[in-house]
Amino acid sequence: MISSLRGTVLAAVGTTVVIEVGGVGLSLHVTPQFALSLRVGAEASVRTALIVREDDLSLFGFAEADELAAFDLLRGVTGVGPKSAMGVLAAMSPVEIAQAVSLEDDAAFRKVSGIGPKTAKLIVLSLTGKLDAMATTRTIARARPSTVSDSVTIALVGLGWPERVALQATEDALAQANETEREAVPALLRLALANLGPQLAGSST
């Protein structure tokens, strides 16, 4: 199994890059974004997944470990092959994938070319619970530079509300808050709690 490689970039066009390792040029399938980030003649370190089929050996390359992890999880979903998994990663970051799964937002996956409604629902169902850590702290931290909303969501989860409800309540509070309130955890939390209304913590599904 080839899990990573380091070498000189010989070519980077579209979704294919060629990296020379020990005098051998290895062709990798990558996302367009990753290909654009590489410079011919420069050294690159790539995390890889080797897909072995009866008549083909294909290498898929990733800039970050979480992209490789998301790729492996997506491939485990019925109807999602390596190319479709790469299509999802070309359209969505691992953090966005985690957030969509957490919010049960299969529409986000339907926007990806080659992913139909049935497969989109299967992705959400299959990945539920497998990206929880990324969907909470890492999702919020990367999606928004402020740690205030992060703290509010964590507080709501701590009070017993389901994660997806807490995330939505925080988003709603952010949309309503003025600049001062967005920078203060107590103020934003009050708005989020007001949006949740009289429903009991932990009673929503």
N, C-alpha and C. Protein backbone atom coordinates (compact mmCIF):
# COMPACT_ATOMS: atom_id res chain seq x y z
N MET A 1 0.85 -1.20 0.00
CA MET A 1 0.00 0.00 0.00
C MET A 1 0.88 1.25 0.00
N ILE A 2 0.60 2.17 -0.90
CA ILE A 2 1.32 3.44 -0.95
C ILE A 2 0.46 4.47 -0.22
N SER A 3 0.90 4.89 0.95
CA SER A 3 0.10 5.80 1.77
C SER A 3 0.55 7.26 1.65
N SER A 4 1.76 7.50 1.18
CA SER A 4 2.23 8.86 0.97
C SER A 4 3.45 8.82 0.07
N LEU A 5 3.77 9.98 -0.50
CA LEU A 5 4.98 10.07 -1.32
C LEU A 5 5.47 11.51 -1.31
N ARG A 6 6.75 11.65 -1.56
CA ARG A 6 7.37 12.97 -1.63
C ARG A 6 8.29 12.99 -2.84
N GLY A 7 8.19 14.01 -3.65
CA GLY A 7 9.05 14.09 -4.82
C GLY A 7 8.86 15.38 -5.58
N THR A 8 9.44 15.46 -6.76
CA THR A 8 9.39 16.66 -7.59
C THR A 8 8.19 16.62 -8.53
N VAL A 9 7.48 17.72 -8.58
CA VAL A 9 6.31 17.81 -9.46
C VAL A 9 6.78 17.97 -10.91
N LEU A 10 6.40 17.00 -11.75
CA LEU A 10 6.76 17.06 -13.16
C LEU A 10 5.65 17.70 -14.00
N ALA A 11 4.41 17.53 -13.56
CA ALA A 11 3.27 18.09 -14.29
C ALA A 11 2.09 18.22 -13.35
N ALA A 12 1.26 19.21 -13.62
CA ALA A 12 0.03 19.41 -12.84
C ALA A 12 -0.99 20.06 -13.75
N VAL A 13 -1.87 19.23 -14.30
CA VAL A 13 -2.86 19.72 -15.27
C VAL A 13 -4.23 19.16 -14.92
N GLY A 14 -5.21 20.05 -14.79
CA GLY A 14 -6.57 19.60 -14.50
C GLY A 14 -6.67 18.87 -13.18
N THR A 15 -6.97 17.59 -13.24
CA THR A 15 -7.08 16.78 -12.03
C THR A 15 -6.01 15.69 -11.98
N THR A 16 -4.94 15.90 -12.74
CA THR A 16 -3.85 14.93 -12.76
C THR A 16 -2.52 15.60 -12.48
N VAL A 17 -1.73 15.01 -11.61
CA VAL A 17 -0.38 15.50 -11.37
C VAL A 17 0.58 14.32 -11.52
N VAL A 18 1.80 14.63 -11.91
CA VAL A 18 2.84 13.61 -12.01
C VAL A 18 3.98 14.03 -11.10
N ILE A 19 4.34 13.14 -10.19
CA ILE A 19 5.41 13.43 -9.23
C ILE A 19 6.51 12.38 -9.39
N GLU A 20 7.72 12.86 -9.52
CA GLU A 20 8.85 11.95 -9.69
C GLU A 20 9.39 11.53 -8.32
N VAL A 21 9.42 10.23 -8.09
CA VAL A 21 9.94 9.69 -6.83
C VAL A 21 10.98 8.62 -7.17
N GLY A 22 12.22 8.88 -6.82
CA GLY A 22 13.28 7.91 -7.10
C GLY A 22 13.46 7.61 -8.57
N GLY A 23 13.27 8.63 -9.41
CA GLY A 23 13.45 8.45 -10.84
C GLY A 23 12.24 7.92 -11.56
N VAL A 24 11.15 7.67 -10.83
CA VAL A 24 9.92 7.15 -11.43
C VAL A 24 8.82 8.20 -11.33
N GLY A 25 8.17 8.49 -12.44
CA GLY A 25 7.07 9.45 -12.44
C GLY A 25 5.76 8.78 -12.11
N LEU A 26 5.15 9.18 -11.02
CA LEU A 26 3.87 8.59 -10.59
C LEU A 26 2.73 9.55 -10.89
N SER A 27 1.70 9.03 -11.58
CA SER A 27 0.54 9.84 -11.92
C SER A 27 -0.51 9.71 -10.83
N LEU A 28 -1.05 10.84 -10.38
CA LEU A 28 -2.05 10.84 -9.31
C LEU A 28 -3.29 11.61 -9.74
N HIS A 29 -4.44 11.12 -9.31
CA HIS A 29 -5.69 11.85 -9.48
C HIS A 29 -5.85 12.75 -8.26
N VAL A 30 -6.10 14.03 -8.49
CA VAL A 30 -6.25 14.99 -7.39
C VAL A 30 -7.43 15.91 -7.69
N THR A 31 -7.77 16.74 -6.72
CA THR A 31 -8.81 17.75 -6.96
C THR A 31 -8.19 18.90 -7.76
N PRO A 32 -9.00 19.63 -8.52
CA PRO A 32 -8.46 20.77 -9.27
C PRO A 32 -7.75 21.78 -8.37
N GLN A 33 -8.30 21.97 -7.16
CA GLN A 33 -7.69 22.93 -6.24
C GLN A 33 -6.28 22.51 -5.86
N PHE A 34 -6.10 21.23 -5.59
CA PHE A 34 -4.78 20.75 -5.20
C PHE A 34 -3.80 20.87 -6.36
N ALA A 35 -4.26 20.53 -7.57
CA ALA A 35 -3.40 20.62 -8.74
C ALA A 35 -2.91 22.06 -8.94
N LEU A 36 -3.80 23.01 -8.74
CA LEU A 36 -3.44 24.42 -8.91
C LEU A 36 -2.45 24.90 -7.86
N SER A 37 -2.44 24.24 -6.71
CA SER A 37 -1.53 24.66 -5.63
C SER A 37 -0.10 24.15 -5.83
N LEU A 38 0.08 23.22 -6.75
CA LEU A 38 1.40 22.63 -6.97
C LEU A 38 2.15 23.38 -8.07
N ARG A 39 3.47 23.46 -7.91
CA ARG A 39 4.30 24.16 -8.89
C ARG A 39 5.28 23.19 -9.52
N VAL A 40 5.29 23.14 -10.84
CA VAL A 40 6.20 22.25 -11.55
C VAL A 40 7.65 22.57 -11.18
N GLY A 41 8.39 21.55 -10.84
CA GLY A 41 9.79 21.73 -10.45
C GLY A 41 9.99 21.81 -8.95
N ALA A 42 8.88 22.04 -8.23
CA ALA A 42 8.97 22.13 -6.77
C ALA A 42 8.73 20.76 -6.15
N GLU A 43 9.15 20.63 -4.90
CA GLU A 43 8.92 19.37 -4.19
C GLU A 43 7.53 19.38 -3.58
N ALA A 44 6.89 18.23 -3.58
CA ALA A 44 5.56 18.12 -3.00
C ALA A 44 5.48 16.87 -2.14
N SER A 45 4.73 16.99 -1.04
CA SER A 45 4.47 15.85 -0.18
C SER A 45 2.98 15.57 -0.26
N VAL A 46 2.62 14.35 -0.63
CA VAL A 46 1.23 14.02 -0.90
C VAL A 46 0.81 12.77 -0.14
N ARG A 47 -0.35 12.84 0.48
CA ARG A 47 -0.95 11.64 1.09
C ARG A 47 -1.74 10.93 0.00
N THR A 48 -1.66 9.63 -0.04
CA THR A 48 -2.24 8.91 -1.17
C THR A 48 -3.11 7.73 -0.76
N ALA A 49 -3.98 7.36 -1.68
CA ALA A 49 -4.78 6.15 -1.55
C ALA A 49 -4.59 5.37 -2.85
N LEU A 50 -4.19 4.12 -2.74
CA LEU A 50 -4.00 3.27 -3.91
C LEU A 50 -5.25 2.41 -4.09
N ILE A 51 -5.92 2.59 -5.21
CA ILE A 51 -7.12 1.82 -5.51
C ILE A 51 -6.75 0.71 -6.49
N VAL A 52 -6.93 -0.52 -6.06
CA VAL A 52 -6.55 -1.68 -6.87
C VAL A 52 -7.79 -2.33 -7.45
N ARG A 53 -7.82 -2.42 -8.77
CA ARG A 53 -8.90 -3.12 -9.44
C ARG A 53 -8.29 -4.18 -10.34
N GLU A 54 -9.15 -5.04 -10.84
CA GLU A 54 -8.68 -6.17 -11.63
C GLU A 54 -7.84 -5.74 -12.83
N ASP A 55 -8.23 -4.62 -13.45
CA ASP A 55 -7.52 -4.18 -14.65
C ASP A 55 -6.90 -2.79 -14.50
N ASP A 56 -6.75 -2.32 -13.25
CA ASP A 56 -6.26 -0.96 -13.07
C ASP A 56 -5.68 -0.72 -11.69
N LEU A 57 -4.63 0.08 -11.64
CA LEU A 57 -4.06 0.57 -10.38
C LEU A 57 -4.09 2.08 -10.44
N SER A 58 -4.78 2.71 -9.51
CA SER A 58 -4.90 4.17 -9.53
C SER A 58 -4.48 4.77 -8.21
N LEU A 59 -3.72 5.86 -8.30
CA LEU A 59 -3.30 6.59 -7.11
C LEU A 59 -4.10 7.89 -7.02
N PHE A 60 -4.64 8.16 -5.84
CA PHE A 60 -5.36 9.39 -5.59
C PHE A 60 -4.58 10.18 -4.53
N GLY A 61 -4.36 11.45 -4.80
CA GLY A 61 -3.51 12.25 -3.92
C GLY A 61 -4.26 13.34 -3.18
N PHE A 62 -3.79 13.64 -1.95
CA PHE A 62 -4.46 14.62 -1.09
C PHE A 62 -3.43 15.47 -0.36
N ALA A 63 -3.78 16.72 -0.16
CA ALA A 63 -2.87 17.63 0.54
C ALA A 63 -2.90 17.42 2.04
N GLU A 64 -4.06 17.04 2.58
CA GLU A 64 -4.23 16.92 4.02
C GLU A 64 -4.77 15.54 4.41
N ALA A 65 -4.46 15.14 5.64
CA ALA A 65 -4.91 13.84 6.14
C ALA A 65 -6.43 13.76 6.24
N ASP A 66 -7.10 14.88 6.58
CA ASP A 66 -8.55 14.82 6.72
C ASP A 66 -9.24 14.65 5.37
N GLU A 67 -8.59 15.11 4.28
CA GLU A 67 -9.14 14.89 2.95
C GLU A 67 -9.08 13.40 2.60
N LEU A 68 -7.96 12.77 2.93
CA LEU A 68 -7.82 11.33 2.68
C LEU A 68 -8.83 10.54 3.51
N ALA A 69 -9.02 10.95 4.76
CA ALA A 69 -9.98 10.26 5.63
C ALA A 69 -11.40 10.39 5.08
N ALA A 70 -11.75 11.59 4.61
CA ALA A 70 -13.08 11.81 4.04
C ALA A 70 -13.25 10.99 2.76
N PHE A 71 -12.21 10.92 1.96
CA PHE A 71 -12.22 10.11 0.72
C PHE A 71 -12.51 8.65 1.03
N ASP A 72 -11.83 8.12 2.03
CA ASP A 72 -12.02 6.71 2.40
C ASP A 72 -13.45 6.46 2.91
N LEU A 73 -13.97 7.41 3.69
CA LEU A 73 -15.33 7.25 4.20
C LEU A 73 -16.36 7.33 3.08
N LEU A 74 -16.15 8.25 2.17
CA LEU A 74 -17.08 8.40 1.05
C LEU A 74 -17.10 7.16 0.18
N ARG A 75 -15.93 6.56 -0.02
CA ARG A 75 -15.85 5.35 -0.85
C ARG A 75 -16.58 4.17 -0.22
N GLY A 76 -16.79 4.26 1.07
CA GLY A 76 -17.49 3.19 1.77
C GLY A 76 -19.00 3.27 1.63
N VAL A 77 -19.48 4.34 1.00
CA VAL A 77 -20.91 4.52 0.80
C VAL A 77 -21.34 3.82 -0.49
N THR A 78 -22.39 3.05 -0.44
CA THR A 78 -22.90 2.35 -1.62
C THR A 78 -23.19 3.35 -2.74
N GLY A 79 -22.64 3.09 -3.90
CA GLY A 79 -22.88 3.96 -5.05
C GLY A 79 -21.86 5.06 -5.23
N VAL A 80 -20.91 5.17 -4.30
CA VAL A 80 -19.87 6.21 -4.39
C VAL A 80 -18.53 5.55 -4.68
N GLY A 81 -18.04 5.72 -5.89
CA GLY A 81 -16.74 5.21 -6.26
C GLY A 81 -15.66 6.26 -6.04
N PRO A 82 -14.41 5.93 -6.37
CA PRO A 82 -13.31 6.87 -6.18
C PRO A 82 -13.51 8.20 -6.90
N LYS A 83 -14.00 8.14 -8.15
CA LYS A 83 -14.18 9.38 -8.92
C LYS A 83 -15.28 10.25 -8.32
N SER A 84 -16.36 9.62 -7.87
CA SER A 84 -17.44 10.39 -7.24
C SER A 84 -16.97 10.99 -5.92
N ALA A 85 -16.18 10.23 -5.17
CA ALA A 85 -15.64 10.73 -3.90
C ALA A 85 -14.75 11.94 -4.15
N MET A 86 -13.93 11.88 -5.20
CA MET A 86 -13.09 13.03 -5.54
C MET A 86 -13.94 14.21 -5.99
N GLY A 87 -15.07 13.92 -6.66
CA GLY A 87 -15.97 14.99 -7.06
C GLY A 87 -16.54 15.73 -5.87
N VAL A 88 -16.87 14.98 -4.82
CA VAL A 88 -17.38 15.60 -3.60
C VAL A 88 -16.31 16.47 -2.97
N LEU A 89 -15.08 15.95 -2.91
CA LEU A 89 -13.98 16.71 -2.30
C LEU A 89 -13.57 17.92 -3.15
N ALA A 90 -13.85 17.86 -4.45
CA ALA A 90 -13.56 19.01 -5.29
C ALA A 90 -14.56 20.13 -5.05
N ALA A 91 -15.77 19.75 -4.61
CA ALA A 91 -16.82 20.73 -4.38
C ALA A 91 -16.95 21.16 -2.92
N MET A 92 -16.52 20.29 -2.00
CA MET A 92 -16.71 20.54 -0.58
C MET A 92 -15.44 20.17 0.19
N SER A 93 -15.10 20.97 1.17
CA SER A 93 -13.97 20.63 2.04
C SER A 93 -14.42 19.56 3.03
N PRO A 94 -13.48 18.85 3.66
CA PRO A 94 -13.88 17.87 4.69
C PRO A 94 -14.73 18.49 5.78
N VAL A 95 -14.44 19.72 6.15
CA VAL A 95 -15.22 20.40 7.17
C VAL A 95 -16.65 20.64 6.69
N GLU A 96 -16.81 21.03 5.43
CA GLU A 96 -18.15 21.25 4.88
C GLU A 96 -18.92 19.93 4.75
N ILE A 97 -18.21 18.86 4.42
CA ILE A 97 -18.84 17.54 4.37
C ILE A 97 -19.36 17.16 5.75
N ALA A 98 -18.51 17.35 6.76
CA ALA A 98 -18.89 17.02 8.13
C ALA A 98 -20.08 17.83 8.59
N GLN A 99 -20.08 19.11 8.23
CA GLN A 99 -21.18 19.97 8.64
C GLN A 99 -22.48 19.56 7.95
N ALA A 100 -22.42 19.23 6.65
CA ALA A 100 -23.60 18.82 5.92
C ALA A 100 -24.19 17.53 6.51
N VAL A 101 -23.32 16.60 6.87
CA VAL A 101 -23.78 15.35 7.47
C VAL A 101 -24.40 15.63 8.84
N SER A 102 -23.75 16.48 9.62
CA SER A 102 -24.25 16.81 10.95
C SER A 102 -25.62 17.45 10.90
N LEU A 103 -25.85 18.29 9.87
CA LEU A 103 -27.13 18.98 9.73
C LEU A 103 -28.12 18.19 8.88
N GLU A 104 -27.73 16.97 8.48
CA GLU A 104 -28.57 16.12 7.64
C GLU A 104 -28.97 16.83 6.36
N ASP A 105 -28.01 17.56 5.79
CA ASP A 105 -28.25 18.36 4.60
C ASP A 105 -27.80 17.60 3.35
N ASP A 106 -28.65 16.69 2.86
CA ASP A 106 -28.27 15.92 1.68
C ASP A 106 -28.29 16.78 0.42
N ALA A 107 -28.95 17.94 0.46
CA ALA A 107 -28.98 18.85 -0.69
C ALA A 107 -27.58 19.31 -1.06
N ALA A 108 -26.71 19.43 -0.06
CA ALA A 108 -25.34 19.86 -0.32
C ALA A 108 -24.62 18.86 -1.22
N PHE A 109 -24.92 17.60 -1.06
CA PHE A 109 -24.28 16.56 -1.87
C PHE A 109 -24.94 16.43 -3.25
N ARG A 110 -26.22 16.77 -3.34
CA ARG A 110 -26.91 16.69 -4.63
C ARG A 110 -26.36 17.71 -5.61
N LYS A 111 -25.72 18.74 -5.10
CA LYS A 111 -25.14 19.76 -5.98
C LYS A 111 -23.88 19.27 -6.68
N VAL A 112 -23.32 18.17 -6.20
CA VAL A 112 -22.09 17.62 -6.79
C VAL A 112 -22.44 16.81 -8.03
N SER A 113 -21.76 17.06 -9.12
CA SER A 113 -22.00 16.33 -10.37
C SER A 113 -21.81 14.83 -10.16
N GLY A 114 -22.81 14.06 -10.59
CA GLY A 114 -22.71 12.61 -10.47
C GLY A 114 -23.33 12.04 -9.22
N ILE A 115 -23.74 12.91 -8.29
CA ILE A 115 -24.38 12.46 -7.05
C ILE A 115 -25.88 12.74 -7.13
N GLY A 116 -26.67 11.68 -7.21
CA GLY A 116 -28.12 11.84 -7.29
C GLY A 116 -28.75 11.89 -5.91
N PRO A 117 -30.07 12.13 -5.87
CA PRO A 117 -30.78 12.24 -4.59
C PRO A 117 -30.62 11.02 -3.69
N LYS A 118 -30.73 9.82 -4.26
CA LYS A 118 -30.63 8.60 -3.46
C LYS A 118 -29.24 8.46 -2.85
N THR A 119 -28.22 8.71 -3.66
CA THR A 119 -26.84 8.59 -3.18
C THR A 119 -26.54 9.67 -2.14
N ALA A 120 -27.08 10.86 -2.36
CA ALA A 120 -26.87 11.95 -1.41
C ALA A 120 -27.42 11.59 -0.03
N LYS A 121 -28.61 10.99 -0.02
CA LYS A 121 -29.21 10.57 1.26
C LYS A 121 -28.38 9.46 1.90
N LEU A 122 -27.87 8.55 1.07
CA LEU A 122 -27.04 7.46 1.59
C LEU A 122 -25.75 7.99 2.21
N ILE A 123 -25.18 9.03 1.61
CA ILE A 123 -23.96 9.62 2.16
C ILE A 123 -24.23 10.14 3.56
N VAL A 124 -25.32 10.87 3.72
CA VAL A 124 -25.67 11.43 5.03
C VAL A 124 -25.90 10.31 6.04
N LEU A 125 -26.68 9.31 5.65
CA LEU A 125 -26.99 8.21 6.57
C LEU A 125 -25.74 7.41 6.92
N SER A 126 -24.90 7.14 5.93
CA SER A 126 -23.71 6.30 6.16
C SER A 126 -22.64 7.00 6.98
N LEU A 127 -22.53 8.32 6.83
CA LEU A 127 -21.46 9.05 7.51
C LEU A 127 -21.90 9.63 8.86
N THR A 128 -23.17 9.54 9.17
CA THR A 128 -23.65 10.05 10.45
C THR A 128 -22.91 9.38 11.61
N GLY A 129 -22.36 10.20 12.49
CA GLY A 129 -21.64 9.68 13.65
C GLY A 129 -20.17 9.41 13.39
N LYS A 130 -19.75 9.45 12.12
CA LYS A 130 -18.36 9.15 11.79
C LYS A 130 -17.50 10.40 11.67
N LEU A 131 -18.16 11.56 11.65
CA LEU A 131 -17.43 12.82 11.50
C LEU A 131 -17.79 13.79 12.61
N ASP A 132 -18.24 13.27 13.75
CA ASP A 132 -18.74 14.13 14.83
C ASP A 132 -17.72 15.15 15.32
N ALA A 133 -16.50 14.70 15.55
CA ALA A 133 -15.48 15.62 16.08
C ALA A 133 -15.22 16.75 15.11
N MET A 134 -15.16 16.41 13.83
CA MET A 134 -14.91 17.43 12.82
C MET A 134 -16.11 18.35 12.68
N ALA A 135 -17.29 17.80 12.86
CA ALA A 135 -18.52 18.57 12.66
C ALA A 135 -18.77 19.57 13.77
N THR A 136 -18.12 19.41 14.92
CA THR A 136 -18.33 20.36 16.02
C THR A 136 -17.18 21.37 16.07
N THR A 137 -16.17 21.07 16.84
CA THR A 137 -15.11 22.04 17.06
C THR A 137 -14.40 22.47 15.78
N ARG A 138 -13.97 21.51 14.96
CA ARG A 138 -13.19 21.86 13.78
C ARG A 138 -14.04 22.56 12.74
N THR A 139 -15.30 22.14 12.60
CA THR A 139 -16.18 22.78 11.63
C THR A 139 -16.36 24.25 11.96
N ILE A 140 -16.69 24.51 13.19
CA ILE A 140 -16.97 25.89 13.59
C ILE A 140 -15.71 26.73 13.54
N ALA A 141 -14.61 26.17 14.01
CA ALA A 141 -13.35 26.92 14.05
C ALA A 141 -12.89 27.31 12.66
N ARG A 142 -13.07 26.41 11.67
CA ARG A 142 -12.59 26.71 10.32
C ARG A 142 -13.60 27.54 9.53
N ALA A 143 -14.89 27.27 9.76
CA ALA A 143 -15.90 27.97 8.98
C ALA A 143 -16.00 29.43 9.38
N ARG A 144 -15.75 29.73 10.64
CA ARG A 144 -15.81 31.11 11.12
C ARG A 144 -14.59 31.41 11.96
N PRO A 145 -13.91 32.52 11.68
CA PRO A 145 -12.71 32.85 12.42
C PRO A 145 -12.98 33.14 13.89
N SER A 146 -14.20 33.60 14.22
CA SER A 146 -14.52 33.92 15.60
C SER A 146 -14.71 32.65 16.43
N THR A 147 -14.23 32.67 17.68
CA THR A 147 -14.43 31.54 18.57
C THR A 147 -15.68 31.74 19.42
N VAL A 148 -16.33 32.88 19.28
CA VAL A 148 -17.54 33.17 20.06
C VAL A 148 -18.64 32.19 19.68
N SER A 149 -18.89 32.02 18.38
CA SER A 149 -19.95 31.12 17.94
C SER A 149 -19.63 29.68 18.32
N ASP A 150 -18.34 29.34 18.28
CA ASP A 150 -17.88 28.02 18.71
C ASP A 150 -18.30 27.78 20.16
N SER A 151 -18.03 28.75 21.01
CA SER A 151 -18.34 28.63 22.44
C SER A 151 -19.84 28.53 22.68
N VAL A 152 -20.62 29.28 21.90
CA VAL A 152 -22.07 29.26 22.06
C VAL A 152 -22.63 27.89 21.70
N THR A 153 -22.17 27.34 20.58
CA THR A 153 -22.66 26.02 20.16
C THR A 153 -22.29 24.96 21.18
N ILE A 154 -21.06 25.00 21.66
CA ILE A 154 -20.62 24.03 22.66
C ILE A 154 -21.46 24.16 23.93
N ALA A 155 -21.77 25.40 24.30
CA ALA A 155 -22.59 25.63 25.50
C ALA A 155 -23.99 25.04 25.32
N LEU A 156 -24.56 25.22 24.14
CA LEU A 156 -25.91 24.69 23.89
C LEU A 156 -25.91 23.16 23.92
N VAL A 157 -24.87 22.56 23.32
CA VAL A 157 -24.76 21.10 23.36
C VAL A 157 -24.62 20.63 24.81
N GLY A 158 -23.85 21.39 25.58
CA GLY A 158 -23.66 21.06 26.99
C GLY A 158 -24.95 21.16 27.79
N LEU A 159 -25.85 22.02 27.33
CA LEU A 159 -27.15 22.18 28.00
C LEU A 159 -28.15 21.11 27.59
N GLY A 160 -27.74 20.29 26.61
CA GLY A 160 -28.59 19.16 26.25
C GLY A 160 -29.22 19.19 24.87
N TRP A 161 -29.03 20.28 24.12
CA TRP A 161 -29.61 20.31 22.78
C TRP A 161 -28.78 19.48 21.82
N PRO A 162 -29.44 18.82 20.87
CA PRO A 162 -28.70 18.04 19.87
C PRO A 162 -27.76 18.95 19.08
N GLU A 163 -26.68 18.38 18.61
CA GLU A 163 -25.65 19.15 17.92
C GLU A 163 -26.19 19.96 16.74
N ARG A 164 -27.01 19.30 15.89
CA ARG A 164 -27.50 20.01 14.71
C ARG A 164 -28.44 21.15 15.09
N VAL A 165 -29.19 20.98 16.19
CA VAL A 165 -30.08 22.04 16.66
C VAL A 165 -29.26 23.21 17.21
N ALA A 166 -28.19 22.87 17.94
CA ALA A 166 -27.32 23.90 18.50
C ALA A 166 -26.63 24.70 17.41
N LEU A 167 -26.16 24.00 16.37
CA LEU A 167 -25.51 24.68 15.25
C LEU A 167 -26.46 25.64 14.55
N GLN A 168 -27.69 25.17 14.31
CA GLN A 168 -28.66 26.02 13.63
C GLN A 168 -29.05 27.22 14.48
N ALA A 169 -29.21 27.00 15.78
CA ALA A 169 -29.58 28.11 16.67
C ALA A 169 -28.48 29.16 16.71
N THR A 170 -27.23 28.70 16.69
CA THR A 170 -26.11 29.63 16.68
C THR A 170 -26.06 30.41 15.38
N GLU A 171 -26.30 29.72 14.26
CA GLU A 171 -26.32 30.39 12.96
C GLU A 171 -27.41 31.46 12.92
N ASP A 172 -28.59 31.11 13.44
CA ASP A 172 -29.70 32.06 13.46
C ASP A 172 -29.37 33.27 14.34
N ALA A 173 -28.73 33.00 15.48
CA ALA A 173 -28.36 34.10 16.38
C ALA A 173 -27.34 35.02 15.72
N LEU A 174 -26.39 34.43 15.00
CA LEU A 174 -25.38 35.24 14.29
C LEU A 174 -26.03 36.15 13.26
N ALA A 175 -27.05 35.62 12.58
CA ALA A 175 -27.72 36.40 11.55
C ALA A 175 -28.49 37.59 12.15
N GLN A 176 -28.97 37.41 13.37
CA GLN A 176 -29.77 38.45 14.02
C GLN A 176 -28.91 39.44 14.82
N ALA A 177 -27.76 39.00 15.26
CA ALA A 177 -26.94 39.80 16.19
C ALA A 177 -26.32 41.02 15.52
N ASN A 178 -26.12 42.04 16.32
CA ASN A 178 -25.37 43.19 15.82
C ASN A 178 -23.87 42.92 16.04
N GLU A 179 -23.05 43.82 15.63
CA GLU A 179 -21.60 43.60 15.69
C GLU A 179 -21.13 43.36 17.13
N THR A 180 -21.67 44.09 18.08
CA THR A 180 -21.26 43.95 19.47
C THR A 180 -21.66 42.59 20.03
N GLU A 181 -22.88 42.16 19.70
CA GLU A 181 -23.39 40.89 20.21
C GLU A 181 -22.61 39.70 19.64
N ARG A 182 -22.14 39.84 18.38
CA ARG A 182 -21.39 38.74 17.76
C ARG A 182 -20.05 38.51 18.45
N GLU A 183 -19.58 39.49 19.18
CA GLU A 183 -18.27 39.39 19.82
C GLU A 183 -18.37 39.02 21.30
N ALA A 184 -19.58 38.78 21.78
CA ALA A 184 -19.77 38.47 23.20
C ALA A 184 -20.54 37.16 23.36
N VAL A 185 -19.93 36.19 24.01
CA VAL A 185 -20.57 34.89 24.19
C VAL A 185 -21.91 35.00 24.92
N PRO A 186 -21.99 35.71 26.05
CA PRO A 186 -23.28 35.79 26.77
C PRO A 186 -24.40 36.36 25.91
N ALA A 187 -24.09 37.42 25.15
CA ALA A 187 -25.12 38.07 24.33
C ALA A 187 -25.59 37.14 23.22
N LEU A 188 -24.64 36.49 22.56
CA LEU A 188 -25.00 35.58 21.46
C LEU A 188 -25.73 34.36 21.99
N LEU A 189 -25.32 33.89 23.17
CA LEU A 189 -25.99 32.74 23.77
C LEU A 189 -27.44 33.08 24.13
N ARG A 190 -27.67 34.28 24.63
CA ARG A 190 -29.03 34.70 24.97
C ARG A 190 -29.92 34.69 23.72
N LEU A 191 -29.37 35.19 22.61
CA LEU A 191 -30.13 35.20 21.36
C LEU A 191 -30.44 33.78 20.89
N ALA A 192 -29.45 32.91 21.01
CA ALA A 192 -29.64 31.52 20.58
C ALA A 192 -30.71 30.84 21.43
N LEU A 193 -30.66 31.06 22.73
CA LEU A 193 -31.65 30.47 23.64
C LEU A 193 -33.04 31.03 23.35
N ALA A 194 -33.11 32.31 23.02
CA ALA A 194 -34.40 32.92 22.69
C ALA A 194 -34.97 32.29 21.42
N ASN A 195 -34.08 32.00 20.46
CA ASN A 195 -34.52 31.36 19.22
C ASN A 195 -35.03 29.94 19.47
N LEU A 196 -34.43 29.27 20.42
CA LEU A 196 -34.85 27.90 20.74
C LEU A 196 -36.19 27.88 21.43
N GLY A 197 -36.55 29.03 22.07
CA GLY A 197 -37.86 29.17 22.68
C GLY A 197 -38.09 28.23 23.85
N PRO A 198 -39.33 27.80 24.05
CA PRO A 198 -39.68 27.02 25.22
C PRO A 198 -39.35 25.53 25.13
N GLN A 199 -38.84 25.09 23.93
CA GLN A 199 -38.56 23.66 23.81
C GLN A 199 -37.52 23.22 24.81
N LEU A 200 -37.66 22.02 25.33
CA LEU A 200 -36.76 21.50 26.34
C LEU A 200 -35.48 20.99 25.75
N ALA A 201 -34.37 21.25 26.43
CA ALA A 201 -33.09 20.75 25.97
C ALA A 201 -33.14 19.25 25.88
N GLY A 202 -32.64 18.73 24.75
CA GLY A 202 -32.57 17.28 24.56
C GLY A 202 -33.86 16.68 24.05
N SER A 203 -34.93 17.49 23.92
CA SER A 203 -36.20 16.92 23.46
C SER A 203 -36.33 16.94 21.96
N SER A 204 -35.47 17.77 21.31
CA SER A 204 -35.55 17.89 19.85
C SER A 204 -34.73 16.82 19.19
N THR A 205 -35.17 16.32 18.03
CA THR A 205 -34.45 15.27 17.31
C THR A 205 -34.14 15.73 15.92
